[in-house]
C-alpha atoms as a PDB file:
ATOM      1  CA  MET A   1     -33.149  -9.188  17.230  1.00  0.00           C
ATOM      2  CA  LYS A   2     -29.852 -10.976  17.679  1.00  0.00           C
ATOM      3  CA  GLU A   3     -26.701  -9.007  17.066  1.00  0.00           C
ATOM      4  CA  ARG A   4     -24.853 -10.237  14.023  1.00  0.00           C
ATOM      5  CA  ARG A   5     -21.553 -11.785  14.981  1.00  0.00           C
ATOM      6  CA  LEU A   6     -18.598 -10.477  13.025  1.00  0.00           C
ATOM      7  CA  ALA A   7     -15.516 -12.509  12.232  1.00  0.00           C
ATOM      8  CA  GLU A   8     -12.113 -11.611  13.609  1.00  0.00           C
ATOM      9  CA  PRO A   9     -10.203  -9.229  11.277  1.00  0.00           C
ATOM     10  CA  MET A  10      -7.350 -11.751  10.896  1.00  0.00           C
ATOM     11  CA  ALA A  11      -9.859 -14.236   9.471  1.00  0.00           C
ATOM     12  CA  VAL A  12     -11.416 -11.712   7.067  1.00  0.00           C
ATOM     13  CA  PRO A  13      -9.788 -11.183   3.656  1.00  0.00           C
ATOM     14  CA  ALA A  14      -8.543  -7.668   3.065  1.00  0.00           C
ATOM     15  CA  SER A  15     -11.087  -5.593   1.171  1.00  0.00           C
ATOM     16  CA  PRO A  16      -9.826  -4.649  -2.315  1.00  0.00           C
ATOM     17  CA  THR A  17     -11.745  -1.368  -2.133  1.00  0.00           C
ATOM     18  CA  ALA A  18     -10.784  -0.284   1.382  1.00  0.00           C
ATOM     19  CA  SER A  19      -8.226   2.502   1.659  1.00  0.00           C
ATOM     20  CA  THR A  20      -5.354   2.058   4.078  1.00  0.00           C
ATOM     21  CA  TRP A  21      -6.221   5.505   5.409  1.00  0.00           C
ATOM     22  CA  ASN A  22      -9.510   4.639   7.066  1.00  0.00           C
ATOM     23  CA  ILE A  23     -10.989   5.226  10.513  1.00  0.00           C
ATOM     24  CA  ALA A  24     -10.214   1.706  11.773  1.00  0.00           C
ATOM     25  CA  ASN A  25      -6.522   1.949  10.870  1.00  0.00           C
ATOM     26  CA  ALA A  26      -6.397   5.502  12.245  1.00  0.00           C
ATOM     27  CA  LEU A  27      -7.567   4.193  15.618  1.00  0.00           C
ATOM     28  CA  THR A  28      -4.919   1.473  15.498  1.00  0.00           C
ATOM     29  CA  ILE A  29      -2.190   4.048  14.805  1.00  0.00           C
ATOM     30  CA  PHE A  30      -3.639   6.223  17.563  1.00  0.00           C
ATOM     31  CA  ARG A  31      -3.270   3.281  19.960  1.00  0.00           C
ATOM     32  CA  LEU A  32       0.381   2.927  18.985  1.00  0.00           C
ATOM     33  CA  VAL A  33       0.926   6.628  19.610  1.00  0.00           C
ATOM     34  CA  LEU A  34      -0.658   6.300  23.044  1.00  0.00           C
ATOM     35  CA  VAL A  35       1.835   3.610  24.125  1.00  0.00           C
ATOM     36  CA  PRO A  36       4.816   5.974  24.703  1.00  0.00           C
ATOM     37  CA  LEU A  37       2.466   8.530  26.283  1.00  0.00           C
ATOM     38  CA  PHE A  38       1.280   5.833  28.678  1.00  0.00           C
ATOM     39  CA  VAL A  39       4.868   4.913  29.559  1.00  0.00           C
ATOM     40  CA  LEU A  40       5.762   8.549  30.195  1.00  0.00           C
ATOM     41  CA  ALA A  41       2.774   8.993  32.493  1.00  0.00           C
ATOM     42  CA  LEU A  42       3.457   5.710  34.293  1.00  0.00           C
ATOM     43  CA  PHE A  43       7.070   6.631  35.116  1.00  0.00           C
ATOM     44  CA  ALA A  44       6.501  10.356  35.695  1.00  0.00           C
ATOM     45  CA  ASP A  45       7.772  11.660  39.037  1.00  0.00           C
ATOM     46  CA  GLY A  46       9.308   8.328  39.971  1.00  0.00           C
ATOM     47  CA  GLY A  47       6.301   6.243  38.981  1.00  0.00           C
ATOM     48  CA  HIS A  48       4.460   6.474  42.294  1.00  0.00           C
ATOM     49  CA  GLN A  49       2.808   9.881  42.158  1.00  0.00           C
ATOM     50  CA  VAL A  50      -0.970   9.432  42.496  1.00  0.00           C
ATOM     51  CA  GLY A  51      -1.982  12.029  39.921  1.00  0.00           C
ATOM     52  CA  TRP A  52       0.326  10.654  37.243  1.00  0.00           C
ATOM     53  CA  ARG A  53      -0.811   7.102  37.941  1.00  0.00           C
ATOM     54  CA  TRP A  54      -4.392   8.142  37.329  1.00  0.00           C
ATOM     55  CA  ALA A  55      -3.258   9.862  34.134  1.00  0.00           C
ATOM     56  CA  ALA A  56      -1.485   6.678  33.037  1.00  0.00           C
ATOM     57  CA  TRP A  57      -4.637   4.701  33.754  1.00  0.00           C
ATOM     58  CA  GLY A  58      -6.670   7.114  31.639  1.00  0.00           C
ATOM     59  CA  VAL A  59      -4.310   6.722  28.683  1.00  0.00           C
ATOM     60  CA  PHE A  60      -4.336   2.935  29.095  1.00  0.00           C
ATOM     61  CA  ALA A  61      -8.141   2.866  29.272  1.00  0.00           C
ATOM     62  CA  VAL A  62      -8.500   4.933  26.087  1.00  0.00           C
ATOM     63  CA  ALA A  63      -5.948   2.781  24.257  1.00  0.00           C
ATOM     64  CA  SER A  64      -7.691  -0.417  25.380  1.00  0.00           C
ATOM     65  CA  TYR A  65     -11.036   0.914  24.181  1.00  0.00           C
ATOM     66  CA  THR A  66      -9.642   1.671  20.724  1.00  0.00           C
ATOM     67  CA  ASP A  67      -8.600  -1.982  20.562  1.00  0.00           C
ATOM     68  CA  ARG A  68     -12.260  -2.899  20.960  1.00  0.00           C
ATOM     69  CA  ILE A  69     -13.752  -0.525  18.426  1.00  0.00           C
ATOM     70  CA  ASP A  70     -11.179  -0.494  15.594  1.00  0.00           C
ATOM     71  CA  GLY A  71     -11.824  -4.159  14.822  1.00  0.00           C
ATOM     72  CA  GLN A  72     -15.572  -3.669  15.012  1.00  0.00           C
ATOM     73  CA  LEU A  73     -15.392  -0.761  12.578  1.00  0.00           C
ATOM     74  CA  ALA A  74     -13.106  -2.648  10.193  1.00  0.00           C
ATOM     75  CA  ARG A  75     -15.453  -5.629  10.025  1.00  0.00           C
ATOM     76  CA  SER A  76     -18.790  -3.838  10.005  1.00  0.00           C
ATOM     77  CA  ARG A  77     -17.765  -1.246   7.395  1.00  0.00           C
ATOM     78  CA  ASN A  78     -15.663  -3.552   5.217  1.00  0.00           C
ATOM     79  CA  LEU A  79     -12.484  -1.655   6.081  1.00  0.00           C
ATOM     80  CA  VAL A  80     -10.220  -4.651   6.681  1.00  0.00           C
ATOM     81  CA  THR A  81      -6.820  -4.016   5.070  1.00  0.00           C
ATOM     82  CA  SER A  82      -3.538  -5.896   4.978  1.00  0.00           C
ATOM     83  CA  PHE A  83      -1.961  -2.967   6.819  1.00  0.00           C
ATOM     84  CA  GLY A  84      -4.538  -3.154   9.590  1.00  0.00           C
ATOM     85  CA  LYS A  85      -4.202  -6.923   9.939  1.00  0.00           C
ATOM     86  CA  LEU A  86      -0.449  -6.463  10.420  1.00  0.00           C
ATOM     87  CA  VAL A  87      -0.392  -3.408  12.674  1.00  0.00           C
ATOM     88  CA  ASP A  88      -3.383  -4.149  14.925  1.00  0.00           C
ATOM     89  CA  PRO A  89      -1.793  -7.105  16.786  1.00  0.00           C
ATOM     90  CA  ILE A  90       1.482  -5.164  17.008  1.00  0.00           C
ATOM     91  CA  ALA A  91      -0.350  -2.285  18.691  1.00  0.00           C
ATOM     92  CA  ASP A  92      -2.112  -4.669  21.080  1.00  0.00           C
ATOM     93  CA  LYS A  93       1.087  -6.364  22.174  1.00  0.00           C
ATOM     94  CA  ALA A  94       2.968  -3.072  22.407  1.00  0.00           C
ATOM     95  CA  LEU A  95       0.378  -1.722  24.843  1.00  0.00           C
ATOM     96  CA  ILE A  96       0.173  -4.852  27.003  1.00  0.00           C
ATOM     97  CA  GLY A  97       3.945  -5.386  26.902  1.00  0.00           C
ATOM     98  CA  ALA A  98       4.734  -1.789  27.845  1.00  0.00           C
ATOM     99  CA  ALA A  99       2.286  -1.934  30.755  1.00  0.00           C
ATOM    100  CA  LEU A 100       3.538  -5.257  32.119  1.00  0.00           C
ATOM    101  CA  ILE A 101       7.230  -4.391  31.809  1.00  0.00           C
ATOM    102  CA  GLY A 102       6.643  -0.937  33.251  1.00  0.00           C
ATOM    103  CA  LEU A 103       4.772  -2.308  36.265  1.00  0.00           C
ATOM    104  CA  SER A 104       7.486  -4.887  36.879  1.00  0.00           C
ATOM    105  CA  LEU A 105      10.202  -2.228  36.676  1.00  0.00           C
ATOM    106  CA  LEU A 106       8.282  -0.282  39.305  1.00  0.00           C
ATOM    107  CA  ASP A 107       8.087  -3.412  41.488  1.00  0.00           C
ATOM    108  CA  GLU A 108       4.298  -3.336  41.258  1.00  0.00           C
ATOM    109  CA  LEU A 109       4.056  -6.688  39.481  1.00  0.00           C
ATOM    110  CA  PRO A 110       6.261  -9.808  39.815  1.00  0.00           C
ATOM    111  CA  TRP A 111       8.503 -10.373  36.811  1.00  0.00           C
ATOM    112  CA  TRP A 112       7.364 -13.976  36.422  1.00  0.00           C
ATOM    113  CA  ILE A 113       3.856 -12.754  35.593  1.00  0.00           C
ATOM    114  CA  THR A 114       5.205 -10.408  32.934  1.00  0.00           C
ATOM    115  CA  VAL A 115       7.399 -13.129  31.430  1.00  0.00           C
ATOM    116  CA  LEU A 116       4.554 -15.667  31.418  1.00  0.00           C
ATOM    117  CA  VAL A 117       2.060 -13.364  29.718  1.00  0.00           C
ATOM    118  CA  LEU A 118       4.533 -12.060  27.139  1.00  0.00           C
ATOM    119  CA  ALA A 119       5.809 -15.566  26.374  1.00  0.00           C
ATOM    120  CA  ARG A 120       2.233 -16.657  25.696  1.00  0.00           C
ATOM    121  CA  GLU A 121       1.537 -13.658  23.450  1.00  0.00           C
ATOM    122  CA  VAL A 122       4.767 -14.028  21.475  1.00  0.00           C
ATOM    123  CA  GLY A 123       4.234 -17.771  21.216  1.00  0.00           C
ATOM    124  CA  VAL A 124       0.739 -17.352  19.803  1.00  0.00           C
ATOM    125  CA  THR A 125       2.033 -14.804  17.295  1.00  0.00           C
ATOM    126  CA  LEU A 126       4.704 -17.254  16.123  1.00  0.00           C
ATOM    127  CA  LEU A 127       2.048 -19.974  15.845  1.00  0.00           C
ATOM    128  CA  ARG A 128      -0.008 -17.680  13.619  1.00  0.00           C
ATOM    129  CA  PHE A 129       2.926 -17.437  11.211  1.00  0.00           C
ATOM    130  CA  TRP A 130       3.561 -21.189  11.478  1.00  0.00           C
ATOM    131  CA  VAL A 131       0.035 -22.059  10.295  1.00  0.00           C
ATOM    132  CA  ILE A 132      -0.621 -19.052   8.042  1.00  0.00           C
ATOM    133  CA  ARG A 133      -0.369 -21.141   4.861  1.00  0.00           C
ATOM    134  CA  HIS A 134      -2.958 -23.528   6.214  1.00  0.00           C
ATOM    135  CA  GLY A 135      -5.444 -20.921   7.399  1.00  0.00           C
ATOM    136  CA  VAL A 136      -6.249 -18.469  10.165  1.00  0.00           C
ATOM    137  CA  ILE A 137      -7.344 -19.560  13.618  1.00  0.00           C
ATOM    138  CA  PRO A 138     -10.019 -17.078  14.731  1.00  0.00           C
ATOM    139  CA  ALA A 139     -10.058 -15.774  18.270  1.00  0.00           C
ATOM    140  CA  SER A 140     -12.161 -17.957  20.534  1.00  0.00           C
ATOM    141  CA  ARG A 141     -14.442 -16.685  23.262  1.00  0.00           C
ATOM    142  CA  GLY A 142     -11.727 -17.705  25.693  1.00  0.00           C
ATOM    143  CA  GLY A 143      -9.212 -15.575  23.816  1.00  0.00           C
ATOM    144  CA  LYS A 144     -11.509 -12.575  23.950  1.00  0.00           C
ATOM    145  CA  LEU A 145     -12.116 -13.175  27.660  1.00  0.00           C
ATOM    146  CA  LYS A 146      -8.335 -13.383  28.132  1.00  0.00           C
ATOM    147  CA  ALA A 147      -7.816 -10.001  26.481  1.00  0.00           C
ATOM    148  CA  PHE A 148     -10.572  -8.427  28.589  1.00  0.00           C
ATOM    149  CA  LEU A 149      -9.265  -9.861  31.868  1.00  0.00           C
ATOM    150  CA  GLN A 150      -5.702  -8.827  31.068  1.00  0.00           C
ATOM    151  CA  ALA A 151      -6.794  -5.269  30.348  1.00  0.00           C
ATOM    152  CA  VAL A 152      -8.854  -5.057  33.540  1.00  0.00           C
ATOM    153  CA  ALA A 153      -6.118  -6.594  35.699  1.00  0.00           C
ATOM    154  CA  ILE A 154      -3.379  -4.381  34.263  1.00  0.00           C
ATOM    155  CA  GLY A 155      -5.589  -1.317  34.595  1.00  0.00           C
ATOM    156  CA  LEU A 156      -6.137  -2.109  38.280  1.00  0.00           C
ATOM    157  CA  TYR A 157      -2.381  -2.431  38.830  1.00  0.00           C
ATOM    158  CA  VAL A 158      -1.779   0.899  37.119  1.00  0.00           C
ATOM    159  CA  LEU A 159      -4.192   2.570  39.542  1.00  0.00           C
ATOM    160  CA  PRO A 160      -2.760   3.599  42.953  1.00  0.00           C
ATOM    161  CA  LEU A 161      -4.792   1.075  44.952  1.00  0.00           C
ATOM    162  CA  SER A 162      -4.169  -0.363  48.396  1.00  0.00           C
ATOM    163  CA  GLY A 163      -5.928  -2.389  51.067  1.00  0.00           C
ATOM    164  CA  TRP A 164      -8.695  -4.728  49.950  1.00  0.00           C
ATOM    165  CA  LEU A 165      -8.674  -3.146  46.503  1.00  0.00           C
ATOM    166  CA  GLY A 166      -5.025  -4.112  46.159  1.00  0.00           C
ATOM    167  CA  THR A 167      -5.912  -7.669  47.130  1.00  0.00           C
ATOM    168  CA  GLY A 168      -8.813  -7.687  44.713  1.00  0.00           C
ATOM    169  CA  ARG A 169      -6.650  -6.755  41.767  1.00  0.00           C
ATOM    170  CA  ALA A 170      -4.319  -9.651  42.580  1.00  0.00           C
ATOM    171  CA  VAL A 171      -7.300 -12.010  42.350  1.00  0.00           C
ATOM    172  CA  VAL A 172      -8.292 -10.559  38.961  1.00  0.00           C
ATOM    173  CA  MET A 173      -4.725 -10.963  37.729  1.00  0.00           C
ATOM    174  CA  ALA A 174      -4.657 -14.572  38.943  1.00  0.00           C
ATOM    175  CA  VAL A 175      -7.828 -15.342  36.995  1.00  0.00           C
ATOM    176  CA  ALA A 176      -6.385 -13.578  33.942  1.00  0.00           C
ATOM    177  CA  LEU A 177      -3.235 -15.695  34.185  1.00  0.00           C
ATOM    178  CA  VAL A 178      -5.228 -18.945  34.343  1.00  0.00           C
ATOM    179  CA  VAL A 179      -7.255 -17.956  31.276  1.00  0.00           C
ATOM    180  CA  THR A 180      -4.065 -16.805  29.531  1.00  0.00           C
ATOM    181  CA  VAL A 181      -2.388 -20.185  30.004  1.00  0.00           C
ATOM    182  CA  VAL A 182      -5.483 -22.266  29.177  1.00  0.00           C
ATOM    183  CA  THR A 183      -6.219 -20.347  25.979  1.00  0.00           C
ATOM    184  CA  GLY A 184      -2.556 -20.564  24.992  1.00  0.00           C
ATOM    185  CA  ILE A 185      -2.668 -24.352  25.291  1.00  0.00           C
ATOM    186  CA  ASP A 186      -5.935 -24.389  23.334  1.00  0.00           C
ATOM    187  CA  TYR A 187      -4.340 -22.298  20.586  1.00  0.00           C
ATOM    188  CA  VAL A 188      -1.448 -24.772  20.283  1.00  0.00           C
ATOM    189  CA  ALA A 189      -3.919 -27.647  19.981  1.00  0.00           C
ATOM    190  CA  ARG A 190      -5.955 -25.831  17.315  1.00  0.00           C
ATOM    191  CA  ALA A 191      -2.815 -24.907  15.384  1.00  0.00           C
ATOM    192  CA  LEU A 192      -1.649 -28.530  15.325  1.00  0.00           C
ATOM    193  CA  THR A 193      -5.115 -29.670  14.232  1.00  0.00           C
ATOM    194  CA  LEU A 194      -5.239 -27.073  11.466  1.00  0.00           C
ATOM    195  CA  ARG A 195      -1.892 -28.186  10.062  1.00  0.00           C
ATOM    196  CA  GLN A 196      -3.203 -31.740   9.904  1.00  0.00           C
ATOM    197  CA  THR A 197      -6.704 -31.083   8.559  1.00  0.00           C
ATOM    198  CA  SER A 198      -6.351 -28.074   6.251  1.00  0.00           C
ATOM    199  CA  GLU A 199      -6.855 -28.259   2.503  1.00  0.00           C
ATOM    200  CA  ARG A 200      -3.152 -27.613   2.009  1.00  0.00           C
ATOM    201  CA  ALA A 201      -2.269 -30.555   4.269  1.00  0.00           C
ATOM    202  CA  ALA A 202      -4.698 -32.797   2.365  1.00  0.00           C
ATOM    203  CA  MET A 203      -3.108 -31.782  -0.954  1.00  0.00           C
ATOM    204  CA  LYS A 204       0.354 -32.600   0.383  1.00  0.00           C
ATOM    205  CA  ARG A 205      -0.802 -36.030   1.509  1.00  0.00           C
ATOM    206  CA  ALA A 206      -2.390 -36.630  -1.887  1.00  0.00           C
ATOM    207  CA  ARG A 207       0.838 -35.698  -3.704  1.00  0.00           C
ATOM    208  CA  ARG A 208       2.883 -37.996  -1.482  1.00  0.00           C
ATOM    209  CA  ALA A 209       0.435 -40.819  -2.071  1.00  0.00           C
ATOM    210  CA  ALA A 210       0.607 -40.248  -5.845  1.00  0.00           C
ATOM    211  CA  ARG A 211       4.403 -40.515  -5.815  1.00  0.00           C
ATOM    212  CA  GLN A 212       4.377 -43.841  -4.029  1.00  0.00           C
ATOM    213  CA  PRO A 213       4.695 -46.914  -6.307  1.00  0.00           C
END
C-alpha cells in the first residue's frame, strides 16, 4: 500500500476546529526552546570541548527531528493552525541560523557559507509574503532534500570530527550548498510564475481589460 502524501502545512488551510494548544504546536515551541540550549552547549567551555560538542549535537538532532514530526502530526491529525503556520518556519530558521552563525563564530565554518544559506532562507521567506495573495508555493522535493542535507551537514560540523571525517562533512556541506542555491532559484521562478498565472492575477488582467475603451 502506498503511503498517502500529505500537503505542506503552509499549503493547508488552518483547521477551524483545531486548538492552538495541540501536540504539533507544542513540538514547534519545544524546538524554539531548544535553540538557546543548543547555543549554550555549542559555546560551553570555549566551544571546543568534546563532551559539550556532543551535547550540542544531541540537542540539534532532537530539534531537527521535531521539525520532521510536527508537520506530519499537524497534517495527519488535522491540527494545522494559523499559529503553527507562522511559528514553524520561524523555529526552523532560528535553529539553522543559530547553528550556522555559532559555527562561524567558532571558526568552524566559513562566513560566506553562513551568509549564503541565510540569504537564501530569508529571501524565500520574503518571496512567500510577496506571493501570499496569489497562493502558497508548496515545498518541492528539492526543498525537502535541501532541508535534510543542511541538517546533516550542520550536524556533522557540530560534531568534533577530524581527519577523513572532517573532509567528508565538507563534501556534504558542498552538496547542501548546491541544492540550496538551485532550489532557491527554482523558488524564485515558481513565485514569478504564480504571480502571473494565479486567479488573482487573471482577475486583475480582466479588470484592466474591462476599463480599456
